[in-house]
Amino acid sequence: MDIEMLKEFVKPELLILVPVLYLIGIAIKSTLLIKDKFIPLTLGIIGIVLAVIWILATEETTGTQNIFMAIFTAITQGILCAGASVYVNQLLVVQPKRE
């Protein structure tokens, strides 16, 4: 994944969520409270919540169309940022080969 391609899909203001979610993922993994296979889902939910907060704080949400657009934007941007953070983790962490 090229950073330029990521910029095409993720709002520039929300790119900060990628390293934030990466660090949250590291913290979750170190606590051992959540199994590894659920960390991407957890990061997706956290990413959506953070994107919702940002959108509600910065966008005018008057009218039904604006509300639905804000919901759609928050969900898609949160998922994309979470996916990018998991992708970064997979690039940085060398996985041992399983036999």
N, C-alpha and C. Protein backbone atom coordinates (compact mmCIF):
# COMPACT_ATOMS: atom_id res chain seq x y z
N MET A 1 0.84 -1.17 0.00
CA MET A 1 0.00 0.00 0.00
C MET A 1 0.89 1.23 0.00
N ASP A 2 0.69 2.07 -0.93
CA ASP A 2 1.43 3.31 -1.07
C ASP A 2 0.72 4.39 -0.26
N ILE A 3 1.48 5.28 0.37
CA ILE A 3 0.89 6.36 1.17
C ILE A 3 0.03 7.28 0.31
N GLU A 4 0.40 7.45 -0.96
CA GLU A 4 -0.39 8.29 -1.86
C GLU A 4 -1.76 7.66 -2.12
N MET A 5 -1.78 6.34 -2.26
CA MET A 5 -3.05 5.65 -2.46
C MET A 5 -3.93 5.78 -1.21
N LEU A 6 -3.31 5.70 -0.05
CA LEU A 6 -4.05 5.84 1.19
C LEU A 6 -4.67 7.23 1.29
N LYS A 7 -3.93 8.24 0.84
CA LYS A 7 -4.43 9.61 0.87
C LYS A 7 -5.64 9.81 -0.04
N GLU A 8 -5.77 8.97 -1.07
CA GLU A 8 -6.91 9.08 -1.97
C GLU A 8 -8.21 8.66 -1.29
N PHE A 9 -8.10 7.74 -0.34
CA PHE A 9 -9.29 7.19 0.28
C PHE A 9 -9.59 7.75 1.66
N VAL A 10 -8.56 8.10 2.40
CA VAL A 10 -8.74 8.59 3.77
C VAL A 10 -8.60 10.10 3.78
N LYS A 11 -9.53 10.76 4.48
CA LYS A 11 -9.42 12.22 4.59
C LYS A 11 -8.10 12.57 5.25
N PRO A 12 -7.39 13.56 4.73
CA PRO A 12 -6.09 13.91 5.30
C PRO A 12 -6.14 14.21 6.81
N GLU A 13 -7.25 14.79 7.26
CA GLU A 13 -7.39 15.11 8.67
C GLU A 13 -7.48 13.86 9.53
N LEU A 14 -7.92 12.76 8.94
CA LEU A 14 -8.09 11.52 9.70
C LEU A 14 -6.91 10.57 9.57
N LEU A 15 -5.90 10.93 8.79
CA LEU A 15 -4.72 10.08 8.68
C LEU A 15 -4.01 9.89 10.02
N ILE A 16 -4.20 10.82 10.94
CA ILE A 16 -3.60 10.69 12.27
C ILE A 16 -4.16 9.47 13.01
N LEU A 17 -5.34 9.01 12.61
CA LEU A 17 -5.93 7.84 13.26
C LEU A 17 -5.11 6.57 13.01
N VAL A 18 -4.39 6.51 11.90
CA VAL A 18 -3.63 5.29 11.59
C VAL A 18 -2.57 5.01 12.66
N PRO A 19 -1.66 5.96 12.97
CA PRO A 19 -0.70 5.66 14.04
C PRO A 19 -1.36 5.56 15.42
N VAL A 20 -2.42 6.33 15.64
CA VAL A 20 -3.12 6.24 16.93
C VAL A 20 -3.70 4.84 17.12
N LEU A 21 -4.36 4.32 16.10
CA LEU A 21 -4.93 2.98 16.18
C LEU A 21 -3.84 1.92 16.26
N TYR A 22 -2.72 2.15 15.60
CA TYR A 22 -1.59 1.22 15.70
C TYR A 22 -1.12 1.13 17.14
N LEU A 23 -0.95 2.27 17.78
CA LEU A 23 -0.50 2.28 19.18
C LEU A 23 -1.55 1.67 20.11
N ILE A 24 -2.82 1.93 19.85
CA ILE A 24 -3.88 1.30 20.64
C ILE A 24 -3.82 -0.20 20.47
N GLY A 25 -3.58 -0.67 19.25
CA GLY A 25 -3.47 -2.10 19.00
C GLY A 25 -2.32 -2.72 19.76
N ILE A 26 -1.18 -2.03 19.82
CA ILE A 26 -0.04 -2.53 20.58
C ILE A 26 -0.40 -2.61 22.07
N ALA A 27 -1.09 -1.59 22.56
CA ALA A 27 -1.49 -1.59 23.97
C ALA A 27 -2.46 -2.73 24.27
N ILE A 28 -3.41 -2.95 23.38
CA ILE A 28 -4.37 -4.04 23.56
C ILE A 28 -3.65 -5.38 23.58
N LYS A 29 -2.73 -5.55 22.64
CA LYS A 29 -1.99 -6.82 22.56
C LYS A 29 -1.17 -7.07 23.81
N SER A 30 -0.58 -6.01 24.37
CA SER A 30 0.27 -6.19 25.56
C SER A 30 -0.54 -6.51 26.81
N THR A 31 -1.82 -6.13 26.84
CA THR A 31 -2.63 -6.41 28.02
C THR A 31 -3.16 -7.83 28.04
N LEU A 32 -3.21 -8.47 26.88
CA LEU A 32 -3.70 -9.84 26.74
C LEU A 32 -5.17 -9.99 27.15
N LEU A 33 -5.91 -8.88 27.18
CA LEU A 33 -7.33 -8.96 27.51
C LEU A 33 -8.18 -9.40 26.33
N ILE A 34 -7.68 -9.16 25.13
CA ILE A 34 -8.41 -9.50 23.91
C ILE A 34 -7.54 -10.43 23.08
N LYS A 35 -8.15 -11.49 22.56
CA LYS A 35 -7.39 -12.41 21.71
C LYS A 35 -6.94 -11.67 20.44
N ASP A 36 -5.79 -12.11 19.92
CA ASP A 36 -5.21 -11.46 18.74
C ASP A 36 -6.18 -11.38 17.57
N LYS A 37 -7.00 -12.41 17.38
CA LYS A 37 -7.89 -12.41 16.22
C LYS A 37 -9.00 -11.36 16.33
N PHE A 38 -9.24 -10.83 17.54
CA PHE A 38 -10.27 -9.81 17.71
C PHE A 38 -9.71 -8.39 17.73
N ILE A 39 -8.40 -8.24 17.68
CA ILE A 39 -7.80 -6.91 17.71
C ILE A 39 -8.20 -6.07 16.48
N PRO A 40 -8.18 -6.61 15.25
CA PRO A 40 -8.63 -5.80 14.11
C PRO A 40 -10.08 -5.32 14.25
N LEU A 41 -10.96 -6.18 14.74
CA LEU A 41 -12.36 -5.78 14.95
C LEU A 41 -12.45 -4.68 15.99
N THR A 42 -11.71 -4.84 17.08
CA THR A 42 -11.70 -3.83 18.14
C THR A 42 -11.18 -2.50 17.60
N LEU A 43 -10.11 -2.55 16.83
CA LEU A 43 -9.56 -1.32 16.24
C LEU A 43 -10.55 -0.70 15.27
N GLY A 44 -11.29 -1.52 14.54
CA GLY A 44 -12.32 -1.00 13.63
C GLY A 44 -13.39 -0.23 14.39
N ILE A 45 -13.84 -0.79 15.49
CA ILE A 45 -14.87 -0.13 16.29
C ILE A 45 -14.33 1.17 16.88
N ILE A 46 -13.11 1.12 17.42
CA ILE A 46 -12.50 2.33 17.98
C ILE A 46 -12.29 3.37 16.88
N GLY A 47 -11.85 2.93 15.70
CA GLY A 47 -11.65 3.85 14.58
C GLY A 47 -12.95 4.53 14.17
N ILE A 48 -14.04 3.76 14.13
CA ILE A 48 -15.34 4.34 13.78
C ILE A 48 -15.76 5.37 14.83
N VAL A 49 -15.60 5.02 16.11
CA VAL A 49 -15.99 5.95 17.18
C VAL A 49 -15.18 7.24 17.09
N LEU A 50 -13.87 7.12 16.89
CA LEU A 50 -13.03 8.32 16.78
C LEU A 50 -13.39 9.15 15.55
N ALA A 51 -13.70 8.47 14.44
CA ALA A 51 -14.11 9.18 13.23
C ALA A 51 -15.45 9.89 13.44
N VAL A 52 -16.37 9.25 14.15
CA VAL A 52 -17.66 9.87 14.46
C VAL A 52 -17.44 11.14 15.28
N ILE A 53 -16.59 11.05 16.29
CA ILE A 53 -16.31 12.22 17.13
C ILE A 53 -15.74 13.35 16.29
N TRP A 54 -14.78 13.02 15.40
CA TRP A 54 -14.18 14.07 14.57
C TRP A 54 -15.22 14.69 13.63
N ILE A 55 -16.02 13.86 13.01
CA ILE A 55 -17.00 14.37 12.04
C ILE A 55 -18.06 15.22 12.73
N LEU A 56 -18.54 14.77 13.89
CA LEU A 56 -19.54 15.57 14.61
C LEU A 56 -18.96 16.90 15.09
N ALA A 57 -17.66 16.92 15.36
CA ALA A 57 -17.02 18.15 15.84
C ALA A 57 -16.72 19.12 14.70
N THR A 58 -16.61 18.61 13.48
CA THR A 58 -16.16 19.49 12.39
C THR A 58 -17.18 19.72 11.28
N GLU A 59 -18.15 18.84 11.15
CA GLU A 59 -19.12 18.95 10.06
C GLU A 59 -20.45 19.48 10.57
N GLU A 60 -21.14 20.17 9.71
CA GLU A 60 -22.49 20.62 10.04
C GLU A 60 -23.45 19.48 9.71
N THR A 61 -24.16 18.99 10.70
CA THR A 61 -25.05 17.85 10.48
C THR A 61 -26.51 18.28 10.64
N THR A 62 -26.93 19.19 9.78
CA THR A 62 -28.33 19.59 9.78
C THR A 62 -28.98 18.98 8.55
N GLY A 63 -30.10 18.40 8.73
CA GLY A 63 -30.80 17.77 7.62
C GLY A 63 -30.46 16.30 7.52
N THR A 64 -31.40 15.55 7.03
CA THR A 64 -31.26 14.10 6.93
C THR A 64 -30.10 13.68 6.05
N GLN A 65 -29.95 14.33 4.92
CA GLN A 65 -28.88 13.95 3.99
C GLN A 65 -27.50 14.15 4.63
N ASN A 66 -27.29 15.25 5.32
CA ASN A 66 -26.01 15.49 5.98
C ASN A 66 -25.75 14.49 7.10
N ILE A 67 -26.78 14.11 7.82
CA ILE A 67 -26.63 13.14 8.90
C ILE A 67 -26.22 11.79 8.34
N PHE A 68 -26.91 11.33 7.28
CA PHE A 68 -26.56 10.04 6.68
C PHE A 68 -25.17 10.07 6.06
N MET A 69 -24.80 11.19 5.47
CA MET A 69 -23.46 11.32 4.90
C MET A 69 -22.40 11.28 5.99
N ALA A 70 -22.67 11.92 7.12
CA ALA A 70 -21.74 11.90 8.25
C ALA A 70 -21.58 10.48 8.80
N ILE A 71 -22.68 9.75 8.90
CA ILE A 71 -22.62 8.35 9.38
C ILE A 71 -21.80 7.50 8.41
N PHE A 72 -22.09 7.62 7.14
CA PHE A 72 -21.36 6.85 6.13
C PHE A 72 -19.86 7.18 6.15
N THR A 73 -19.56 8.47 6.21
CA THR A 73 -18.16 8.90 6.22
C THR A 73 -17.44 8.37 7.45
N ALA A 74 -18.08 8.47 8.61
CA ALA A 74 -17.45 8.00 9.84
C ALA A 74 -17.17 6.50 9.80
N ILE A 75 -18.11 5.74 9.33
CA ILE A 75 -17.94 4.28 9.27
C ILE A 75 -16.83 3.91 8.29
N THR A 76 -16.88 4.47 7.09
CA THR A 76 -15.88 4.09 6.09
C THR A 76 -14.48 4.59 6.48
N GLN A 77 -14.39 5.80 6.99
CA GLN A 77 -13.08 6.33 7.36
C GLN A 77 -12.50 5.58 8.56
N GLY A 78 -13.35 5.23 9.52
CA GLY A 78 -12.88 4.47 10.68
C GLY A 78 -12.37 3.10 10.29
N ILE A 79 -13.09 2.44 9.39
CA ILE A 79 -12.67 1.11 8.92
C ILE A 79 -11.38 1.20 8.12
N LEU A 80 -11.28 2.18 7.23
CA LEU A 80 -10.06 2.34 6.43
C LEU A 80 -8.85 2.63 7.31
N CYS A 81 -9.01 3.49 8.30
CA CYS A 81 -7.89 3.81 9.20
C CYS A 81 -7.49 2.59 10.02
N ALA A 82 -8.46 1.83 10.50
CA ALA A 82 -8.16 0.62 11.26
C ALA A 82 -7.45 -0.40 10.37
N GLY A 83 -7.94 -0.55 9.14
CA GLY A 83 -7.30 -1.48 8.21
C GLY A 83 -5.87 -1.07 7.90
N ALA A 84 -5.64 0.23 7.74
CA ALA A 84 -4.28 0.70 7.48
C ALA A 84 -3.37 0.46 8.68
N SER A 85 -3.90 0.62 9.89
CA SER A 85 -3.06 0.39 11.07
C SER A 85 -2.70 -1.08 11.22
N VAL A 86 -3.64 -1.97 10.90
CA VAL A 86 -3.35 -3.41 10.94
C VAL A 86 -2.33 -3.76 9.86
N TYR A 87 -2.47 -3.15 8.70
CA TYR A 87 -1.54 -3.37 7.60
C TYR A 87 -0.13 -2.93 8.00
N VAL A 88 -0.02 -1.76 8.62
CA VAL A 88 1.27 -1.28 9.09
C VAL A 88 1.86 -2.26 10.10
N ASN A 89 1.02 -2.75 11.00
CA ASN A 89 1.50 -3.73 11.99
C ASN A 89 2.05 -4.97 11.30
N GLN A 90 1.38 -5.44 10.29
CA GLN A 90 1.83 -6.65 9.59
C GLN A 90 3.13 -6.39 8.83
N LEU A 91 3.33 -5.17 8.38
CA LEU A 91 4.59 -4.83 7.70
C LEU A 91 5.75 -4.73 8.68
N LEU A 92 5.47 -4.21 9.87
CA LEU A 92 6.53 -3.97 10.84
C LEU A 92 6.88 -5.19 11.67
N VAL A 93 5.92 -6.02 11.94
CA VAL A 93 6.13 -7.19 12.79
C VAL A 93 6.47 -8.38 11.90
N VAL A 94 7.62 -8.96 12.12
CA VAL A 94 8.02 -10.14 11.36
C VAL A 94 7.35 -11.34 12.00
N GLN A 95 6.50 -11.99 11.25
CA GLN A 95 5.77 -13.15 11.74
C GLN A 95 6.63 -14.40 11.60
N PRO A 96 6.74 -15.21 12.65
CA PRO A 96 7.48 -16.46 12.51
C PRO A 96 6.73 -17.41 11.59
N LYS A 97 7.49 -18.17 10.82
CA LYS A 97 6.87 -19.14 9.91
C LYS A 97 6.36 -20.34 10.69
N ARG A 98 5.19 -20.77 10.31
CA ARG A 98 4.60 -21.96 10.94
C ARG A 98 4.88 -23.17 10.08
N GLU A 99 5.18 -24.23 10.72
CA GLU A 99 5.51 -25.46 9.96
C GLU A 99 4.34 -26.40 9.96
